């Protein structure tokens, strides 16, 4: 346990942060960078419908499934070593993906990209714990890290669209290479190695159980979001939960577990993990609605829609520094609670969006909710990272990020299902049951716009579909606002006074999160 703050970071540490955040930006961009490239990939590689889905999803599945394993591995072999290894794998896989000659090869290489990304993400956050010993400086560094991570997901489609206007689809992968080369060249000189502090080898069975728990759960949730209830995704979620229970049981009996369950039960760590999960629930769940609204309701081109979708980053740029500054003066719990309540107001604003609303009106609401969410997430990341013992920083960061992945998948499923149910009901009420392509028209907005209908009927169906989708987005926004209000009350009620004591870890006498709940 640290009892006194360390020395203040200088120019070298801040330059090191910049080098570390560049690959983080690209790793988070790779989640969404194929959205525009997939038609070009489909033309060249001719994947089946199933292969196309795996090309899109394989990266995210492997990334989420291996985060905990890679976080624990970094604690054992050194986080700088793992960052350099991850950069080498990510760079090599990017080249292989750019020149893949078959769909199966591209799917396999996307899995390797997920492996490299999983090695990079928790290690970069854990290294911040070592680079910035001063609490105020660490707060600023974590603010930058969080903003880069969330911005990368939004930036992916923009970069993809820009590259595809001038180059072939492989360029969306090759853009990763210069950053990885820069990382490999500079990190050995700028970032000191973290001394391996966890003794003992990585438990292979625990690694298999963590992968077997997270991967089928996230797969099942995403498939539920796409197609509704089906037996196979439900079985996947069930199997994942059973394996997750086995993983937790095994950690209780290991001398050197992958996850410190005692740390997870403390308010200063378990509370921020849950807060981050709820924040990503709303962020990812609503991002799909905003993208479709800009393209399919307002009729913007994909690239133009992607550019406008970056506007909410302005809310992030304003709110994140304000939140960090306020946290130096008042209890973090009040600032986090305030951030969640601001985001709830942004979602309530979106309930007033209509098909004929001005673009600026929609973007203001999105900027408000994005700013509030990132302000809360930044403080949650900082609080959890400060609560983790330095020797457990890698696994602690991995748990945080795994919670974010799970929260995003839940948001897509729950909020997406709400929007889909409202859309289907409205379309059933608005249109006759015997019309052509009735099932496709009632299922999705894309199905309604793509249906081959007579011209007179097509206009009426398209107008009804846009109204129904916008109504569904409004109802989903109510759901997101309720969850954010709950997250705000959770922060105010259970995180007050946390992190105010000297040192970076809590007193062993602090009541656990499970006790308080």
Protein backbone atom coordinates (compact mmCIF):
# COMPACT_ATOMS: atom_id res chain seq x y z
CA UNK A 1 0.00 0.00 0.00
CA UNK A 2 1.26 3.47 -0.85
CA UNK A 3 1.25 5.84 2.12
CA UNK A 4 2.71 8.91 0.45
CA UNK A 5 2.29 10.32 -3.02
CA UNK A 6 5.14 9.75 -5.43
CA UNK A 7 7.11 12.39 -7.33
CA UNK A 8 5.39 14.55 -9.90
CA UNK A 9 5.68 13.46 -13.51
CA UNK A 10 7.71 15.54 -15.93
CA UNK A 11 7.85 16.04 -19.68
CA UNK A 12 9.10 12.51 -20.33
CA UNK A 13 6.06 10.94 -18.64
CA UNK A 14 3.60 13.14 -20.55
CA UNK A 15 5.30 12.31 -23.86
CA UNK A 16 5.10 8.64 -22.87
CA UNK A 17 1.36 9.06 -22.26
CA UNK A 18 0.96 10.46 -25.76
CA UNK A 19 2.81 7.49 -27.24
CA UNK A 20 0.67 5.04 -25.24
CA UNK A 21 -2.65 6.65 -26.19
CA UNK A 22 -1.98 6.49 -29.94
CA UNK A 23 -2.30 2.68 -30.13
CA UNK A 24 -5.22 2.89 -27.70
CA UNK A 25 -6.98 5.16 -30.20
CA UNK A 26 -6.40 2.65 -32.99
CA UNK A 27 -7.43 -0.36 -30.89
CA UNK A 28 -10.75 1.30 -30.04
CA UNK A 29 -11.18 2.48 -33.65
CA UNK A 30 -10.86 -1.10 -34.90
CA UNK A 31 -14.17 -1.93 -33.20
CA UNK A 32 -16.02 0.24 -35.73
CA UNK A 33 -13.63 0.88 -38.62
CA UNK A 34 -15.11 -1.87 -40.83
CA UNK A 35 -18.62 -0.39 -40.90
CA UNK A 36 -17.95 1.32 -44.27
CA UNK A 37 -15.34 -1.15 -45.53
CA UNK A 38 -17.52 -4.27 -45.38
CA UNK A 39 -19.21 -3.70 -48.79
CA UNK A 40 -15.78 -3.50 -50.46
CA UNK A 41 -14.55 -6.58 -48.56
CA UNK A 42 -17.71 -8.44 -49.58
CA UNK A 43 -17.10 -7.59 -53.24
CA UNK A 44 -13.49 -8.86 -53.19
CA UNK A 45 -13.67 -11.84 -50.82
CA UNK A 46 -17.33 -12.86 -51.37
CA UNK A 47 -18.00 -13.99 -47.78
CA UNK A 48 -21.22 -15.74 -46.83
CA UNK A 49 -23.65 -13.89 -44.56
CA UNK A 50 -22.29 -15.82 -41.56
CA UNK A 51 -18.68 -15.08 -42.50
CA UNK A 52 -19.49 -11.39 -42.90
CA UNK A 53 -20.87 -11.26 -39.37
CA UNK A 54 -17.75 -12.97 -38.03
CA UNK A 55 -15.50 -10.55 -39.91
CA UNK A 56 -17.25 -7.72 -38.08
CA UNK A 57 -17.54 -9.37 -34.66
CA UNK A 58 -14.47 -11.59 -34.22
CA UNK A 59 -12.21 -8.73 -33.15
CA UNK A 60 -14.56 -7.52 -30.41
CA UNK A 61 -15.28 -11.03 -29.12
CA UNK A 62 -11.60 -11.98 -28.74
CA UNK A 63 -10.72 -8.57 -27.30
CA UNK A 64 -13.40 -8.85 -24.63
CA UNK A 65 -12.69 -12.49 -23.85
CA UNK A 66 -8.94 -12.05 -23.31
CA UNK A 67 -8.84 -8.78 -21.35
CA UNK A 68 -8.76 -10.42 -17.92
CA UNK A 69 -6.14 -12.95 -18.97
CA UNK A 70 -3.91 -10.28 -20.50
CA UNK A 71 -4.27 -8.00 -17.50
CA UNK A 72 -3.16 -10.79 -15.18
CA UNK A 73 -0.33 -11.74 -17.54
CA UNK A 74 0.98 -8.15 -17.53
CA UNK A 75 1.12 -8.21 -13.74
CA UNK A 76 3.34 -11.29 -13.97
CA UNK A 77 5.73 -10.59 -16.86
CA UNK A 78 5.74 -6.78 -16.83
CA UNK A 79 3.28 -4.41 -18.49
CA UNK A 80 5.80 -2.75 -20.81
CA UNK A 81 6.81 -6.18 -22.09
CA UNK A 82 3.17 -7.01 -22.76
CA UNK A 83 2.53 -3.65 -24.48
CA UNK A 84 5.48 -4.23 -26.82
CA UNK A 85 4.35 -7.79 -27.53
CA UNK A 86 0.79 -6.61 -28.16
CA UNK A 87 2.02 -3.88 -30.51
CA UNK A 88 4.06 -6.40 -32.51
CA UNK A 89 1.09 -8.77 -32.80
CA UNK A 90 -1.34 -5.95 -33.65
CA UNK A 91 1.00 -4.52 -36.31
CA UNK A 92 1.71 -7.88 -37.95
CA UNK A 93 -1.97 -8.83 -37.90
CA UNK A 94 -2.88 -5.47 -39.47
CA UNK A 95 -0.61 -6.18 -42.44
CA UNK A 96 -2.00 -9.71 -42.77
CA UNK A 97 -5.58 -8.39 -42.64
CA UNK A 98 -4.89 -5.78 -45.33
CA UNK A 99 -3.72 -8.48 -47.76
CA UNK A 100 -6.06 -11.31 -46.73
CA UNK A 101 -7.17 -13.27 -49.80
CA UNK A 102 -10.11 -15.13 -48.28
CA UNK A 103 -12.89 -14.52 -45.79
CA UNK A 104 -11.69 -17.31 -43.49
CA UNK A 105 -8.19 -15.86 -43.37
CA UNK A 106 -9.56 -12.39 -42.59
CA UNK A 107 -11.66 -13.82 -39.74
CA UNK A 108 -8.57 -15.56 -38.29
CA UNK A 109 -6.47 -12.41 -38.58
CA UNK A 110 -9.21 -10.35 -36.92
CA UNK A 111 -8.91 -12.77 -34.00
CA UNK A 112 -5.16 -12.02 -33.86
CA UNK A 113 -5.97 -8.30 -33.87
CA UNK A 114 -8.23 -8.92 -30.88
CA UNK A 115 -5.38 -10.73 -29.13
CA UNK A 116 -3.03 -7.79 -29.73
CA UNK A 117 -5.67 -5.29 -28.63
CA UNK A 118 -6.34 -7.23 -25.43
CA UNK A 119 -2.62 -7.09 -24.63
CA UNK A 120 -2.50 -3.33 -25.24
CA UNK A 121 -5.61 -1.95 -23.53
CA UNK A 122 -5.25 -2.97 -19.86
CA UNK A 123 -1.48 -2.55 -19.95
CA UNK A 124 -1.65 1.07 -21.16
CA UNK A 125 -4.03 1.98 -18.33
CA UNK A 126 -1.94 0.07 -15.79
CA UNK A 127 1.24 1.84 -16.92
CA UNK A 128 -0.45 5.17 -16.17
CA UNK A 129 -0.58 3.94 -12.57
CA UNK A 130 3.22 3.72 -12.60
CA UNK A 131 3.99 6.82 -14.67
CA UNK A 132 1.82 9.23 -12.67
CA UNK A 133 2.22 8.84 -8.92
CA UNK A 134 0.79 12.25 -8.08
CA UNK A 135 -2.99 12.00 -7.65
CA UNK A 136 -3.84 15.20 -9.54
CA UNK A 137 -1.60 14.34 -12.46
CA UNK A 138 -2.94 10.80 -12.57
CA UNK A 139 -6.46 12.21 -12.74
CA UNK A 140 -5.52 14.29 -15.80
CA UNK A 141 -3.82 11.31 -17.42
CA UNK A 142 -6.84 9.06 -16.88
CA UNK A 143 -9.08 11.81 -18.30
CA UNK A 144 -7.01 11.78 -21.48
CA UNK A 145 -7.01 7.96 -21.60
CA UNK A 146 -10.81 7.77 -21.23
CA UNK A 147 -11.44 10.49 -23.82
CA UNK A 148 -9.15 8.78 -26.34
CA UNK A 149 -10.81 5.40 -25.81
CA UNK A 150 -14.36 6.71 -26.26
CA UNK A 151 -13.41 8.99 -29.17
CA UNK A 152 -11.75 6.14 -31.03
CA UNK A 153 -15.02 4.22 -31.35
CA UNK A 154 -16.68 7.26 -32.96
CA UNK A 155 -13.65 8.09 -35.11
CA UNK A 156 -13.45 4.64 -36.72
CA UNK A 157 -16.20 5.18 -39.33
CA UNK A 158 -14.84 8.66 -40.20
CA UNK A 159 -11.31 7.40 -40.83
CA UNK A 160 -12.70 4.41 -42.71
CA UNK A 161 -14.84 6.60 -44.97
CA UNK A 162 -11.96 8.98 -45.66
CA UNK A 163 -9.53 6.19 -46.56
CA UNK A 164 -12.04 4.36 -48.74
CA UNK A 165 -12.57 7.48 -50.85
CA UNK A 166 -8.93 7.23 -52.02
CA UNK A 167 -7.58 3.73 -51.32
CA UNK A 168 -8.60 0.07 -51.26
CA UNK A 169 -10.21 -1.57 -48.21
CA UNK A 170 -6.90 -2.88 -46.85
CA UNK A 171 -5.89 0.69 -46.01
CA UNK A 172 -8.21 0.67 -42.99
CA UNK A 173 -5.86 -1.93 -41.48
CA UNK A 174 -2.53 -0.50 -42.69
CA UNK A 175 -3.22 2.77 -40.88
CA UNK A 176 -2.41 0.88 -37.67
CA UNK A 177 1.15 0.09 -38.74
CA UNK A 178 2.92 3.48 -38.28
CA UNK A 179 1.52 3.85 -34.75
CA UNK A 180 2.67 0.37 -33.75
CA UNK A 181 6.16 0.98 -35.18
CA UNK A 182 6.33 4.26 -33.25
CA UNK A 183 5.26 2.47 -30.09
CA UNK A 184 7.88 -0.25 -30.51
CA UNK A 185 10.58 2.36 -31.14
CA UNK A 186 9.82 4.82 -28.32
CA UNK A 187 8.29 2.88 -25.43
CA UNK A 188 11.59 1.20 -24.40
CA UNK A 189 13.11 4.67 -23.91
CA UNK A 190 10.12 6.51 -22.42
CA UNK A 191 8.31 3.96 -20.26
CA UNK A 192 10.05 2.12 -17.40
CA UNK A 193 9.24 -1.53 -17.01
CA UNK A 194 6.89 -2.39 -14.15
CA UNK A 195 8.56 -4.98 -11.98
CA UNK A 196 6.56 -8.22 -12.01
CA UNK A 197 4.94 -8.16 -8.58
CA UNK A 198 2.65 -11.19 -8.69
CA UNK A 199 4.50 -14.42 -8.14
CA UNK A 200 3.47 -17.70 -9.64
CA UNK A 201 2.56 -18.68 -13.16
CA UNK A 202 -0.67 -17.77 -14.89
CA UNK A 203 -3.25 -20.46 -14.18
CA UNK A 204 -4.22 -21.94 -17.60
CA UNK A 205 -7.58 -23.22 -16.34
CA UNK A 206 -8.50 -19.77 -15.00
CA UNK A 207 -7.55 -18.22 -18.35
CA UNK A 208 -9.72 -20.76 -20.19
CA UNK A 209 -12.63 -20.19 -17.80
CA UNK A 210 -12.48 -16.39 -18.16
CA UNK A 211 -12.48 -16.67 -21.95
CA UNK A 212 -15.22 -19.29 -21.83
CA UNK A 213 -17.33 -17.09 -19.55
CA UNK A 214 -17.09 -13.73 -21.30
CA UNK A 215 -17.10 -14.79 -24.96
CA UNK A 216 -20.39 -16.76 -25.04
CA UNK A 217 -22.16 -14.21 -22.81
CA UNK A 218 -21.23 -11.29 -25.05
CA UNK A 219 -21.98 -13.35 -28.18
CA UNK A 220 -25.39 -14.32 -26.80
CA UNK A 221 -26.27 -10.75 -25.83
CA UNK A 222 -25.29 -9.39 -29.26
CA UNK A 223 -27.26 -12.08 -31.07
CA UNK A 224 -30.26 -11.31 -28.86
CA UNK A 225 -29.94 -7.66 -29.87
CA UNK A 226 -29.85 -8.62 -33.56
CA UNK A 227 -32.51 -11.32 -33.80
CA UNK A 228 -34.42 -11.43 -30.51
CA UNK A 229 -34.67 -14.57 -28.41
CA UNK A 230 -33.23 -17.70 -30.01
CA UNK A 231 -32.21 -20.98 -28.31
CA UNK A 232 -28.50 -20.90 -29.28
CA UNK A 233 -27.71 -17.40 -27.92
CA UNK A 234 -29.70 -18.20 -24.76
CA UNK A 235 -27.64 -21.37 -24.35
CA UNK A 236 -24.46 -19.34 -24.86
CA UNK A 237 -25.41 -16.91 -22.09
CA UNK A 238 -26.28 -19.80 -19.76
CA UNK A 239 -23.01 -21.62 -20.45
CA UNK A 240 -21.05 -18.40 -19.98
CA UNK A 241 -22.68 -17.70 -16.63
CA UNK A 242 -21.95 -21.25 -15.43
CA UNK A 243 -18.31 -20.96 -16.48
CA UNK A 244 -18.12 -17.54 -14.86
CA UNK A 245 -19.32 -19.04 -11.60
CA UNK A 246 -16.61 -21.70 -11.94
CA UNK A 247 -14.02 -18.99 -12.61
CA UNK A 248 -14.95 -17.09 -9.45
CA UNK A 249 -14.92 -20.28 -7.38
CA UNK A 250 -11.46 -21.15 -8.64
CA UNK A 251 -10.08 -17.69 -7.83
CA UNK A 252 -11.07 -18.16 -4.19
CA UNK A 253 -8.78 -21.19 -3.87
CA UNK A 254 -5.69 -19.99 -5.77
CA UNK A 255 -2.65 -18.59 -4.02
CA UNK A 256 -2.15 -16.10 -6.88
CA UNK A 257 -5.57 -15.54 -8.51
CA UNK A 258 -6.10 -13.67 -11.76
CA UNK A 259 -8.66 -11.40 -10.05
CA UNK A 260 -8.47 -10.17 -6.47
CA UNK A 261 -12.06 -10.81 -5.36
CA UNK A 262 -11.45 -8.91 -2.14
CA UNK A 263 -10.54 -5.82 -4.15
CA UNK A 264 -13.62 -6.24 -6.35
CA UNK A 265 -15.82 -6.21 -3.24
CA UNK A 266 -14.50 -2.84 -2.03
CA UNK A 267 -16.50 0.28 -2.73
CA UNK A 268 -13.50 2.13 -4.21
CA UNK A 269 -13.07 -0.51 -6.90
CA UNK A 270 -16.29 -2.52 -7.28
CA UNK A 271 -18.38 0.68 -7.28
CA UNK A 272 -16.51 2.30 -10.20
CA UNK A 273 -16.56 -0.99 -12.14
CA UNK A 274 -20.36 -1.03 -11.89
CA UNK A 275 -20.58 2.69 -12.70
CA UNK A 276 -18.47 2.16 -15.83
CA UNK A 277 -20.62 -0.79 -16.89
CA UNK A 278 -23.75 1.37 -16.64
CA UNK A 279 -22.07 4.22 -18.53
CA UNK A 280 -21.12 1.96 -21.44
CA UNK A 281 -24.63 0.46 -21.37
CA UNK A 282 -26.00 3.86 -22.34
CA UNK A 283 -23.12 4.94 -24.59
CA UNK A 284 -23.06 1.91 -26.88
CA UNK A 285 -26.79 1.26 -26.67
CA UNK A 286 -27.64 4.73 -27.99
CA UNK A 287 -24.78 5.03 -30.50
CA UNK A 288 -26.57 2.64 -32.88
CA UNK A 289 -29.73 4.74 -32.77
CA UNK A 290 -27.87 7.99 -33.43
CA UNK A 291 -26.01 6.55 -36.43
CA UNK A 292 -29.20 5.15 -38.00
CA UNK A 293 -31.11 8.35 -37.30
CA UNK A 294 -28.52 10.47 -39.11
CA UNK A 295 -28.34 8.14 -42.11
CA UNK A 296 -31.78 6.57 -42.52
CA UNK A 297 -34.08 9.25 -41.06
CA UNK A 298 -32.26 12.45 -42.04
CA UNK A 299 -30.88 10.91 -45.22
CA UNK A 300 -27.23 11.87 -44.74
CA UNK A 301 -24.53 9.93 -46.57
CA UNK A 302 -22.57 7.48 -44.40
CA UNK A 303 -19.41 9.62 -44.41
CA UNK A 304 -21.32 12.84 -43.69
CA UNK A 305 -23.24 11.11 -40.90
CA UNK A 306 -19.97 9.83 -39.43
CA UNK A 307 -18.53 13.36 -39.43
CA UNK A 308 -21.59 14.80 -37.69
CA UNK A 309 -21.49 11.99 -35.14
CA UNK A 310 -18.17 13.42 -33.92
CA UNK A 311 -19.90 16.60 -32.73
CA UNK A 312 -20.77 15.06 -29.31
CA UNK A 313 -17.02 14.92 -28.71
CA UNK A 314 -17.34 18.66 -28.06
CA UNK A 315 -19.42 17.83 -25.00
CA UNK A 316 -16.69 15.45 -23.90
CA UNK A 317 -14.00 18.11 -24.40
CA UNK A 318 -15.93 20.50 -22.14
CA UNK A 319 -17.28 18.20 -19.45
CA UNK A 320 -14.31 15.87 -18.82
CA UNK A 321 -11.88 18.63 -17.69
CA UNK A 322 -14.64 20.32 -15.66
CA UNK A 323 -15.37 17.04 -13.89
CA UNK A 324 -11.68 16.45 -13.17
CA UNK A 325 -11.29 19.98 -11.79
CA UNK A 326 -14.38 19.70 -9.58
CA UNK A 327 -13.15 16.37 -8.20
CA UNK A 328 -10.13 18.17 -6.74
CA UNK A 329 -12.45 20.36 -4.64
CA UNK A 330 -15.45 18.22 -3.72
CA UNK A 331 -16.19 14.55 -3.16
CA UNK A 332 -15.83 12.52 -6.37
CA UNK A 333 -19.15 10.85 -5.67
CA UNK A 334 -21.00 14.15 -6.13
CA UNK A 335 -19.16 14.86 -9.39
CA UNK A 336 -19.81 11.35 -10.74
CA UNK A 337 -23.46 11.55 -9.66
CA UNK A 338 -23.73 14.95 -11.33
CA UNK A 339 -22.18 13.59 -14.54
CA UNK A 340 -24.70 10.76 -14.68
CA UNK A 341 -27.58 13.13 -14.01
CA UNK A 342 -26.35 15.47 -16.77
CA UNK A 343 -26.28 12.50 -19.14
CA UNK A 344 -29.83 11.60 -18.06
CA UNK A 345 -30.90 15.13 -19.05
CA UNK A 346 -29.25 14.63 -22.45
CA UNK A 347 -31.19 11.42 -23.01
CA UNK A 348 -34.44 13.10 -21.96
CA UNK A 349 -33.65 15.83 -24.51
CA UNK A 350 -33.48 13.13 -27.20
CA UNK A 351 -37.03 12.03 -26.36
CA UNK A 352 -38.16 15.27 -28.02
CA UNK A 353 -36.43 14.52 -31.33
CA UNK A 354 -38.80 14.03 -34.27
CA UNK A 355 -38.27 13.07 -37.89
CA UNK A 356 -38.35 16.75 -38.91
CA UNK A 357 -36.19 18.04 -36.03
CA UNK A 358 -33.23 20.22 -36.91
CA UNK A 359 -29.87 18.44 -36.94
CA UNK A 360 -28.44 20.79 -34.32
CA UNK A 361 -31.25 19.88 -31.91
CA UNK A 362 -30.33 16.19 -32.02
CA UNK A 363 -26.60 16.87 -31.73
CA UNK A 364 -27.07 19.10 -28.67
CA UNK A 365 -28.81 16.29 -26.82
CA UNK A 366 -26.11 13.81 -27.86
CA UNK A 367 -23.37 16.22 -26.76
CA UNK A 368 -24.96 16.67 -23.34
CA UNK A 369 -25.29 12.96 -22.63
CA UNK A 370 -21.81 12.17 -24.00
CA UNK A 371 -20.17 14.89 -21.90
CA UNK A 372 -21.87 13.78 -18.71
CA UNK A 373 -21.04 10.13 -19.31
CA UNK A 374 -17.34 10.64 -20.02
CA UNK A 375 -16.98 12.95 -17.01
CA UNK A 376 -18.40 10.18 -14.80
CA UNK A 377 -16.38 7.44 -16.51
CA UNK A 378 -13.13 9.37 -16.12
CA UNK A 379 -13.59 9.67 -12.38
CA UNK A 380 -14.66 6.03 -12.11
CA UNK A 381 -11.49 4.92 -13.93
CA UNK A 382 -9.32 7.15 -11.76
CA UNK A 383 -10.95 6.00 -8.52
CA UNK A 384 -10.62 2.31 -9.40
CA UNK A 385 -7.04 2.65 -10.63
CA UNK A 386 -6.06 4.50 -7.46
CA UNK A 387 -7.72 1.85 -5.31
CA UNK A 388 -5.84 -1.04 -6.94
CA UNK A 389 -2.49 -2.00 -5.42
CA UNK A 390 0.34 -1.26 -7.91
CA UNK A 391 1.12 -4.97 -8.27
CA UNK A 392 -2.50 -5.62 -9.36
CA UNK A 393 -2.88 -2.64 -11.70
CA UNK A 394 -2.96 -4.77 -14.86
CA UNK A 395 -5.66 -7.16 -13.72
CA UNK A 396 -7.62 -4.27 -12.17
CA UNK A 397 -7.58 -2.37 -15.47
CA UNK A 398 -8.67 -5.54 -17.28
CA UNK A 399 -11.65 -5.97 -14.95
CA UNK A 400 -12.67 -2.35 -15.59
CA UNK A 401 -12.48 -2.82 -19.35
CA UNK A 402 -14.25 -6.18 -19.27
CA UNK A 403 -17.10 -4.49 -17.41
CA UNK A 404 -17.22 -1.85 -20.13
CA UNK A 405 -17.41 -4.49 -22.87
CA UNK A 406 -20.20 -6.30 -21.04
CA UNK A 407 -22.06 -3.04 -20.43
CA UNK A 408 -21.84 -2.13 -24.12
CA UNK A 409 -23.22 -5.50 -25.16
CA UNK A 410 -26.07 -5.21 -22.65
CA UNK A 411 -26.87 -1.71 -23.86
CA UNK A 412 -27.13 -2.87 -27.47
CA UNK A 413 -29.39 -5.73 -26.45
CA UNK A 414 -31.70 -4.00 -23.99
CA UNK A 415 -32.04 -0.55 -25.57
CA UNK A 416 -32.00 -2.07 -29.07
CA UNK A 417 -34.80 -4.45 -28.10
CA UNK A 418 -36.86 -1.57 -26.68
CA UNK A 419 -36.46 0.45 -29.87
CA UNK A 420 -37.23 -2.58 -32.07
CA UNK A 421 -40.38 -3.42 -30.09
CA UNK A 422 -41.71 0.13 -30.40
CA UNK A 423 -40.87 0.22 -34.11
CA UNK A 424 -42.61 -3.09 -34.79
CA UNK A 425 -45.74 -2.10 -32.85
CA UNK A 426 -46.01 1.29 -34.57
CA UNK A 427 -45.55 -0.22 -38.01
CA UNK A 428 -48.15 -2.91 -37.31
CA UNK A 429 -50.64 -0.21 -36.31
CA UNK A 430 -49.82 2.04 -39.27
CA UNK A 431 -49.81 -0.46 -42.14
CA UNK A 432 -52.25 -3.10 -43.42
CA UNK A 433 -51.32 -6.70 -42.62
CA UNK A 434 -51.68 -7.88 -46.23
CA UNK A 435 -49.24 -5.40 -47.80
CA UNK A 436 -46.23 -6.75 -49.77
CA UNK A 437 -43.07 -7.54 -47.75
CA UNK A 438 -45.00 -6.89 -44.54
CA UNK A 439 -42.66 -8.90 -42.31
CA UNK A 440 -39.46 -7.16 -43.48
CA UNK A 441 -41.11 -3.74 -43.35
CA UNK A 442 -42.25 -4.26 -39.76
CA UNK A 443 -38.93 -5.68 -38.57
CA UNK A 444 -36.39 -2.89 -39.22
CA UNK A 445 -36.09 0.55 -40.74
CA UNK A 446 -33.57 -0.87 -43.21
CA UNK A 447 -36.09 -3.49 -44.27
CA UNK A 448 -38.70 -0.82 -44.89
CA UNK A 449 -36.42 1.36 -47.01
CA UNK A 450 -35.04 -1.61 -48.98
CA UNK A 451 -38.42 -3.22 -49.70
CA UNK A 452 -39.37 -3.25 -53.39
CA UNK A 453 -42.74 -1.50 -53.22
CA UNK A 454 -44.82 0.50 -55.70
CA UNK A 455 -43.79 4.17 -55.74
CA UNK A 456 -46.99 5.47 -54.13
CA UNK A 457 -46.82 2.92 -51.33
CA UNK A 458 -43.05 3.25 -50.86
CA UNK A 459 -43.28 6.92 -49.85
CA UNK A 460 -45.97 6.24 -47.26
CA UNK A 461 -44.12 3.21 -45.85
CA UNK A 462 -40.82 5.13 -45.65
CA UNK A 463 -42.49 8.02 -43.82
CA UNK A 464 -44.19 5.66 -41.37
CA UNK A 465 -40.93 3.76 -40.82
CA UNK A 466 -38.99 6.96 -40.05
CA UNK A 467 -41.65 8.04 -37.58
CA UNK A 468 -41.68 4.61 -35.93
CA UNK A 469 -37.89 4.46 -35.66
CA UNK A 470 -37.71 7.94 -34.16
CA UNK A 471 -40.42 7.01 -31.66
CA UNK A 472 -38.45 3.87 -30.76
CA UNK A 473 -35.31 5.96 -30.27
CA UNK A 474 -37.24 8.25 -27.94
CA UNK A 475 -38.53 5.39 -25.81
CA UNK A 476 -35.03 3.84 -25.67
CA UNK A 477 -33.75 7.26 -24.56
CA UNK A 478 -36.19 7.14 -21.66
CA UNK A 479 -34.72 3.77 -20.70
CA UNK A 480 -31.19 5.14 -20.89
CA UNK A 481 -32.20 8.18 -18.81
CA UNK A 482 -33.67 5.94 -16.11
CA UNK A 483 -30.48 3.85 -15.97
CA UNK A 484 -28.33 6.98 -15.78
CA UNK A 485 -30.47 8.43 -13.00
CA UNK A 486 -30.03 5.14 -11.16
CA UNK A 487 -26.27 5.29 -11.72
CA UNK A 488 -26.24 8.84 -10.35
CA UNK A 489 -28.11 7.81 -7.21
CA UNK A 490 -25.80 4.80 -6.84
CA UNK A 491 -22.74 7.08 -7.02
CA UNK A 492 -24.18 9.55 -4.52
CA UNK A 493 -25.33 6.86 -2.10
CA UNK A 494 -22.47 4.38 -2.09
CA UNK A 495 -19.30 6.19 -3.19
CA UNK A 496 -19.32 9.19 -0.86
CA UNK A 497 -16.06 9.53 1.03
CA UNK A 498 -14.34 6.83 -1.03
CA UNK A 499 -10.78 7.60 -2.06
CA UNK A 500 -10.32 10.44 0.41
CA UNK A 501 -7.88 8.63 2.66
CA UNK A 502 -4.13 8.85 2.33
CA UNK A 503 -2.62 6.36 -0.09
CA UNK A 504 -4.04 4.61 -3.06
CA UNK A 505 -5.77 1.69 -1.42
CA UNK A 506 -8.55 1.58 1.03
CA UNK A 507 -8.38 0.61 4.61
CA UNK A 508 -9.08 -3.03 5.25
CA UNK A 509 -11.84 -2.00 7.64
CA UNK A 510 -13.88 -0.36 4.88
CA UNK A 511 -17.17 -2.18 4.32
CA UNK A 512 -17.36 -4.10 1.08
CA UNK A 513 -19.68 -3.28 -1.77
CA UNK A 514 -21.66 -6.44 -1.23
CA UNK A 515 -22.21 -5.53 2.41
CA UNK A 516 -23.48 -2.07 1.50
CA UNK A 517 -25.82 -3.48 -1.14
